[in-house]
Amino acid sequence: MGLFWNLIQQSQISNQNSRASTLEARVAYLESELRKTQELLIKTLKVLEEESGKDINGDGKIGG
């Protein structure tokens, strides 16, 4: 019975490790996507400010 229990525990530890690495990969992917989205948002905001001639984000300047 002890050997069977050890196998179950080892399987659970292995599953947990694989979930953790999968979670780490997902977090890294989401962080990368967030950076790309923020960069696109900044570029879009600059174009909108330049086209409209208004300070949309309230930083005191238009575009740049």
PDB file of N, CA and C in Angstrom:
ATOM      1  N   MET A   1       0.823  -1.202   0.000  1.00  0.00           N
ATOM      2  CA  MET A   1       0.000   0.000   0.000  1.00  0.00           C
ATOM      3  C   MET A   1       0.865   1.264   0.000  1.00  0.00           C
ATOM      4  N   GLY A   2       2.018   1.217   0.684  1.00  0.00           N
ATOM      5  CA  GLY A   2       2.898   2.372   0.749  1.00  0.00           C
ATOM      6  C   GLY A   2       3.446   2.755  -0.611  1.00  0.00           C
ATOM      7  N   LEU A   3       3.798   1.768  -1.420  1.00  0.00           N
ATOM      8  CA  LEU A   3       4.321   2.037  -2.759  1.00  0.00           C
ATOM      9  C   LEU A   3       3.254   2.701  -3.626  1.00  0.00           C
ATOM     10  N   PHE A   4       2.027   2.216  -3.531  1.00  0.00           N
ATOM     11  CA  PHE A   4       0.918   2.790  -4.294  1.00  0.00           C
ATOM     12  C   PHE A   4       0.700   4.245  -3.899  1.00  0.00           C
ATOM     13  N   TRP A   5       0.726   4.510  -2.594  1.00  0.00           N
ATOM     14  CA  TRP A   5       0.529   5.881  -2.103  1.00  0.00           C
ATOM     15  C   TRP A   5       1.660   6.792  -2.582  1.00  0.00           C
ATOM     16  N   ASN A   6       2.884   6.312  -2.576  1.00  0.00           N
ATOM     17  CA  ASN A   6       4.020   7.097  -3.065  1.00  0.00           C
ATOM     18  C   ASN A   6       3.856   7.440  -4.541  1.00  0.00           C
ATOM     19  N   LEU A   7       3.372   6.482  -5.328  1.00  0.00           N
ATOM     20  CA  LEU A   7       3.145   6.734  -6.755  1.00  0.00           C
ATOM     21  C   LEU A   7       2.081   7.806  -6.960  1.00  0.00           C
ATOM     22  N   ILE A   8       1.030   7.747  -6.168  1.00  0.00           N
ATOM     23  CA  ILE A   8      -0.034   8.760  -6.272  1.00  0.00           C
ATOM     24  C   ILE A   8       0.519  10.141  -5.927  1.00  0.00           C
ATOM     25  N   GLN A   9       1.279  10.212  -4.832  1.00  0.00           N
ATOM     26  CA  GLN A   9       1.852  11.502  -4.430  1.00  0.00           C
ATOM     27  C   GLN A   9       2.817  12.031  -5.489  1.00  0.00           C
ATOM     28  N   GLN A  10       3.632  11.160  -6.043  1.00  0.00           N
ATOM     29  CA  GLN A  10       4.586  11.575  -7.071  1.00  0.00           C
ATOM     30  C   GLN A  10       3.856  12.094  -8.304  1.00  0.00           C
ATOM     31  N   SER A  11       2.759  11.432  -8.655  1.00  0.00           N
ATOM     32  CA  SER A  11       1.958  11.865  -9.792  1.00  0.00           C
ATOM     33  C   SER A  11       1.361  13.251  -9.533  1.00  0.00           C
ATOM     34  N   GLN A  12       0.872  13.466  -8.311  1.00  0.00           N
ATOM     35  CA  GLN A  12       0.288  14.759  -7.964  1.00  0.00           C
ATOM     36  C   GLN A  12       1.347  15.859  -7.989  1.00  0.00           C
ATOM     37  N   ILE A  13       2.541  15.562  -7.494  1.00  0.00           N
ATOM     38  CA  ILE A  13       3.635  16.542  -7.526  1.00  0.00           C
ATOM     39  C   ILE A  13       4.000  16.868  -8.967  1.00  0.00           C
ATOM     40  N   SER A  14       4.077  15.855  -9.803  1.00  0.00           N
ATOM     41  CA  SER A  14       4.401  16.062 -11.214  1.00  0.00           C
ATOM     42  C   SER A  14       3.336  16.909 -11.902  1.00  0.00           C
ATOM     43  N   ASN A  15       2.076  16.602 -11.634  1.00  0.00           N
ATOM     44  CA  ASN A  15       0.985  17.389 -12.219  1.00  0.00           C
ATOM     45  C   ASN A  15       1.052  18.844 -11.767  1.00  0.00           C
ATOM     46  N   GLN A  16       1.360  19.059 -10.487  1.00  0.00           N
ATOM     47  CA  GLN A  16       1.448  20.422  -9.960  1.00  0.00           C
ATOM     48  C   GLN A  16       2.597  21.179 -10.617  1.00  0.00           C
ATOM     49  N   ASN A  17       3.734  20.502 -10.792  1.00  0.00           N
ATOM     50  CA  ASN A  17       4.883  21.147 -11.454  1.00  0.00           C
ATOM     51  C   ASN A  17       4.536  21.523 -12.887  1.00  0.00           C
ATOM     52  N   SER A  18       3.837  20.645 -13.588  1.00  0.00           N
ATOM     53  CA  SER A  18       3.483  20.945 -14.972  1.00  0.00           C
ATOM     54  C   SER A  18       2.484  22.082 -15.040  1.00  0.00           C
ATOM     55  N   ARG A  19       1.556  22.154 -14.085  1.00  0.00           N
ATOM     56  CA  ARG A  19       0.611  23.279 -14.046  1.00  0.00           C
ATOM     57  C   ARG A  19       1.349  24.576 -13.771  1.00  0.00           C
ATOM     58  N   ALA A  20       2.313  24.536 -12.868  1.00  0.00           N
ATOM     59  CA  ALA A  20       3.065  25.749 -12.525  1.00  0.00           C
ATOM     60  C   ALA A  20       3.841  26.251 -13.737  1.00  0.00           C
ATOM     61  N   SER A  21       4.511  25.361 -14.456  1.00  0.00           N
ATOM     62  CA  SER A  21       5.269  25.811 -15.623  1.00  0.00           C
ATOM     63  C   SER A  21       4.329  26.300 -16.712  1.00  0.00           C
ATOM     64  N   THR A  22       3.180  25.659 -16.842  1.00  0.00           N
ATOM     65  CA  THR A  22       2.182  26.125 -17.808  1.00  0.00           C
ATOM     66  C   THR A  22       1.673  27.504 -17.404  1.00  0.00           C
ATOM     67  N   LEU A  23       1.444  27.704 -16.119  1.00  0.00           N
ATOM     68  CA  LEU A  23       0.988  29.001 -15.628  1.00  0.00           C
ATOM     69  C   LEU A  23       2.054  30.063 -15.871  1.00  0.00           C
ATOM     70  N   GLU A  24       3.321  29.725 -15.623  1.00  0.00           N
ATOM     71  CA  GLU A  24       4.407  30.666 -15.864  1.00  0.00           C
ATOM     72  C   GLU A  24       4.480  31.050 -17.337  1.00  0.00           C
ATOM     73  N   ALA A  25       4.291  30.088 -18.209  1.00  0.00           N
ATOM     74  CA  ALA A  25       4.309  30.368 -19.644  1.00  0.00           C
ATOM     75  C   ALA A  25       3.138  31.269 -20.026  1.00  0.00           C
ATOM     76  N   ARG A  26       1.972  31.006 -19.452  1.00  0.00           N
ATOM     77  CA  ARG A  26       0.789  31.832 -19.744  1.00  0.00           C
ATOM     78  C   ARG A  26       0.991  33.261 -19.262  1.00  0.00           C
ATOM     79  N   VAL A  27       1.568  33.410 -18.066  1.00  0.00           N
ATOM     80  CA  VAL A  27       1.822  34.750 -17.525  1.00  0.00           C
ATOM     81  C   VAL A  27       2.820  35.493 -18.414  1.00  0.00           C
ATOM     82  N   ALA A  28       3.868  34.810 -18.831  1.00  0.00           N
ATOM     83  CA  ALA A  28       4.861  35.443 -19.711  1.00  0.00           C
ATOM     84  C   ALA A  28       4.217  35.878 -21.018  1.00  0.00           C
ATOM     85  N   TYR A  29       3.359  35.033 -21.577  1.00  0.00           N
ATOM     86  CA  TYR A  29       2.661  35.369 -22.820  1.00  0.00           C
ATOM     87  C   TYR A  29       1.757  36.587 -22.610  1.00  0.00           C
ATOM     88  N   LEU A  30       1.005  36.590 -21.521  1.00  0.00           N
ATOM     89  CA  LEU A  30       0.091  37.705 -21.252  1.00  0.00           C
ATOM     90  C   LEU A  30       0.851  39.005 -21.005  1.00  0.00           C
ATOM     91  N   GLU A  31       1.990  38.927 -20.327  1.00  0.00           N
ATOM     92  CA  GLU A  31       2.798  40.124 -20.118  1.00  0.00           C
ATOM     93  C   GLU A  31       3.309  40.667 -21.443  1.00  0.00           C
ATOM     94  N   SER A  32       3.714  39.781 -22.328  1.00  0.00           N
ATOM     95  CA  SER A  32       4.182  40.193 -23.647  1.00  0.00           C
ATOM     96  C   SER A  32       3.052  40.856 -24.431  1.00  0.00           C
ATOM     97  N   GLU A  33       1.878  40.248 -24.405  1.00  0.00           N
ATOM     98  CA  GLU A  33       0.730  40.819 -25.103  1.00  0.00           C
ATOM     99  C   GLU A  33       0.338  42.172 -24.519  1.00  0.00           C
ATOM    100  N   LEU A  34       0.431  42.312 -23.214  1.00  0.00           N
ATOM    101  CA  LEU A  34       0.117  43.591 -22.572  1.00  0.00           C
ATOM    102  C   LEU A  34       1.077  44.676 -23.039  1.00  0.00           C
ATOM    103  N   ARG A  35       2.384  44.357 -23.101  1.00  0.00           N
ATOM    104  CA  ARG A  35       3.369  45.336 -23.589  1.00  0.00           C
ATOM    105  C   ARG A  35       3.053  45.762 -25.013  1.00  0.00           C
ATOM    106  N   LYS A  36       2.735  44.789 -25.875  1.00  0.00           N
ATOM    107  CA  LYS A  36       2.411  45.114 -27.269  1.00  0.00           C
ATOM    108  C   LYS A  36       1.166  45.995 -27.349  1.00  0.00           C
ATOM    109  N   THR A  37       0.172  45.689 -26.537  1.00  0.00           N
ATOM    110  CA  THR A  37      -1.067  46.466 -26.534  1.00  0.00           C
ATOM    111  C   THR A  37      -0.803  47.888 -26.048  1.00  0.00           C
ATOM    112  N   GLN A  38       0.017  48.028 -25.014  1.00  0.00           N
ATOM    113  CA  GLN A  38       0.345  49.363 -24.509  1.00  0.00           C
ATOM    114  C   GLN A  38       1.106  50.175 -25.549  1.00  0.00           C
ATOM    115  N   GLU A  39       2.047  49.538 -26.235  1.00  0.00           N
ATOM    116  CA  GLU A  39       2.802  50.238 -27.277  1.00  0.00           C
ATOM    117  C   GLU A  39       1.884  50.700 -28.398  1.00  0.00           C
ATOM    118  N   LEU A  40       0.959  49.838 -28.809  1.00  0.00           N
ATOM    119  CA  LEU A  40       0.006  50.203 -29.856  1.00  0.00           C
ATOM    120  C   LEU A  40      -0.908  51.331 -29.396  1.00  0.00           C
ATOM    121  N   LEU A  41      -1.330  51.285 -28.151  1.00  0.00           N
ATOM    122  CA  LEU A  41      -2.189  52.332 -27.604  1.00  0.00           C
ATOM    123  C   LEU A  41      -1.474  53.682 -27.604  1.00  0.00           C
ATOM    124  N   ILE A  42      -0.218  53.691 -27.228  1.00  0.00           N
ATOM    125  CA  ILE A  42       0.558  54.939 -27.220  1.00  0.00           C
ATOM    126  C   ILE A  42       0.707  55.488 -28.630  1.00  0.00           C
ATOM    127  N   LYS A  43       1.029  54.612 -29.587  1.00  0.00           N
ATOM    128  CA  LYS A  43       1.158  55.050 -30.982  1.00  0.00           C
ATOM    129  C   LYS A  43      -0.168  55.603 -31.505  1.00  0.00           C
ATOM    130  N   THR A  44      -1.254  54.919 -31.188  1.00  0.00           N
ATOM    131  CA  THR A  44      -2.584  55.359 -31.627  1.00  0.00           C
ATOM    132  C   THR A  44      -2.936  56.701 -31.021  1.00  0.00           C
ATOM    133  N   LEU A  45      -2.632  56.870 -29.736  1.00  0.00           N
ATOM    134  CA  LEU A  45      -2.918  58.124 -29.058  1.00  0.00           C
ATOM    135  C   LEU A  45      -2.145  59.281 -29.685  1.00  0.00           C
ATOM    136  N   LYS A  46      -0.880  59.045 -30.019  1.00  0.00           N
ATOM    137  CA  LYS A  46      -0.072  60.091 -30.653  1.00  0.00           C
ATOM    138  C   LYS A  46      -0.678  60.517 -31.980  1.00  0.00           C
ATOM    139  N   VAL A  47      -1.091  59.538 -32.782  1.00  0.00           N
ATOM    140  CA  VAL A  47      -1.694  59.858 -34.080  1.00  0.00           C
ATOM    141  C   VAL A  47      -2.999  60.626 -33.875  1.00  0.00           C
ATOM    142  N   LEU A  48      -3.822  60.174 -32.939  1.00  0.00           N
ATOM    143  CA  LEU A  48      -5.091  60.862 -32.670  1.00  0.00           C
ATOM    144  C   LEU A  48      -4.853  62.301 -32.230  1.00  0.00           C
ATOM    145  N   GLU A  49      -3.880  62.506 -31.359  1.00  0.00           N
ATOM    146  CA  GLU A  49      -3.589  63.862 -30.908  1.00  0.00           C
ATOM    147  C   GLU A  49      -3.090  64.725 -32.058  1.00  0.00           C
ATOM    148  N   GLU A  50      -2.207  64.172 -32.886  1.00  0.00           N
ATOM    149  CA  GLU A  50      -1.687  64.940 -34.013  1.00  0.00           C
ATOM    150  C   GLU A  50      -2.789  65.277 -35.012  1.00  0.00           C
ATOM    151  N   GLU A  51      -3.670  64.334 -35.270  1.00  0.00           N
ATOM    152  CA  GLU A  51      -4.757  64.559 -36.239  1.00  0.00           C
ATOM    153  C   GLU A  51      -5.807  65.524 -35.703  1.00  0.00           C
ATOM    154  N   SER A  52      -6.110  65.422 -34.400  1.00  0.00           N
ATOM    155  CA  SER A  52      -7.163  66.272 -33.837  1.00  0.00           C
ATOM    156  C   SER A  52      -6.623  67.614 -33.339  1.00  0.00           C
ATOM    157  N   GLY A  53      -5.310  67.670 -33.098  1.00  0.00           N
ATOM    158  CA  GLY A  53      -4.732  68.895 -32.567  1.00  0.00           C
ATOM    159  C   GLY A  53      -5.089  69.129 -31.112  1.00  0.00           C
ATOM    160  N   LYS A  54      -5.504  68.069 -30.411  1.00  0.00           N
ATOM    161  CA  LYS A  54      -5.900  68.190 -29.004  1.00  0.00           C
ATOM    162  C   LYS A  54      -5.031  67.296 -28.129  1.00  0.00           C
ATOM    163  N   ASP A  55      -4.858  67.744 -26.886  1.00  0.00           N
ATOM    164  CA  ASP A  55      -4.121  66.961 -25.893  1.00  0.00           C
ATOM    165  C   ASP A  55      -5.105  65.996 -25.234  1.00  0.00           C
ATOM    166  N   ILE A  56      -5.195  64.791 -25.771  1.00  0.00           N
ATOM    167  CA  ILE A  56      -6.190  63.820 -25.305  1.00  0.00           C
ATOM    168  C   ILE A  56      -5.813  63.211 -23.959  1.00  0.00           C
ATOM    169  N   ASN A  57      -4.538  62.904 -23.757  1.00  0.00           N
ATOM    170  CA  ASN A  57      -4.141  62.221 -22.524  1.00  0.00           C
ATOM    171  C   ASN A  57      -3.761  63.155 -21.381  1.00  0.00           C
ATOM    172  N   GLY A  58      -3.837  64.464 -21.622  1.00  0.00           N
ATOM    173  CA  GLY A  58      -3.614  65.439 -20.564  1.00  0.00           C
ATOM    174  C   GLY A  58      -2.176  65.581 -20.108  1.00  0.00           C
ATOM    175  N   ASP A  59      -1.224  65.263 -20.987  1.00  0.00           N
ATOM    176  CA  ASP A  59       0.190  65.378 -20.601  1.00  0.00           C
ATOM    177  C   ASP A  59       0.772  66.747 -20.947  1.00  0.00           C
ATOM    178  N   GLY A  60      -0.058  67.629 -21.475  1.00  0.00           N
ATOM    179  CA  GLY A  60       0.397  68.988 -21.779  1.00  0.00           C
ATOM    180  C   GLY A  60       1.038  69.149 -23.143  1.00  0.00           C
ATOM    181  N   LYS A  61       1.072  68.112 -23.936  1.00  0.00           N
ATOM    182  CA  LYS A  61       1.618  68.244 -25.282  1.00  0.00           C
ATOM    183  C   LYS A  61       0.775  67.432 -26.259  1.00  0.00           C
ATOM    184  N   ILE A  62       0.890  67.794 -27.535  1.00  0.00           N
ATOM    185  CA  ILE A  62       0.115  67.127 -28.574  1.00  0.00           C
ATOM    186  C   ILE A  62       1.059  66.242 -29.373  1.00  0.00           C
ATOM    187  N   GLY A  63       0.725  64.962 -29.449  1.00  0.00           N
ATOM    188  CA  GLY A  63       1.560  64.042 -30.211  1.00  0.00           C
ATOM    189  C   GLY A  63       2.685  63.500 -29.383  1.00  0.00           C
ATOM    190  N   GLY A  64       3.877  63.917 -29.678  1.00  0.00           N
ATOM    191  CA  GLY A  64       5.118  63.518 -29.075  1.00  0.00           C
ATOM    192  C   GLY A  64       5.054  62.945 -27.733  1.00  0.00           C
TER     193      GLY A  64
END
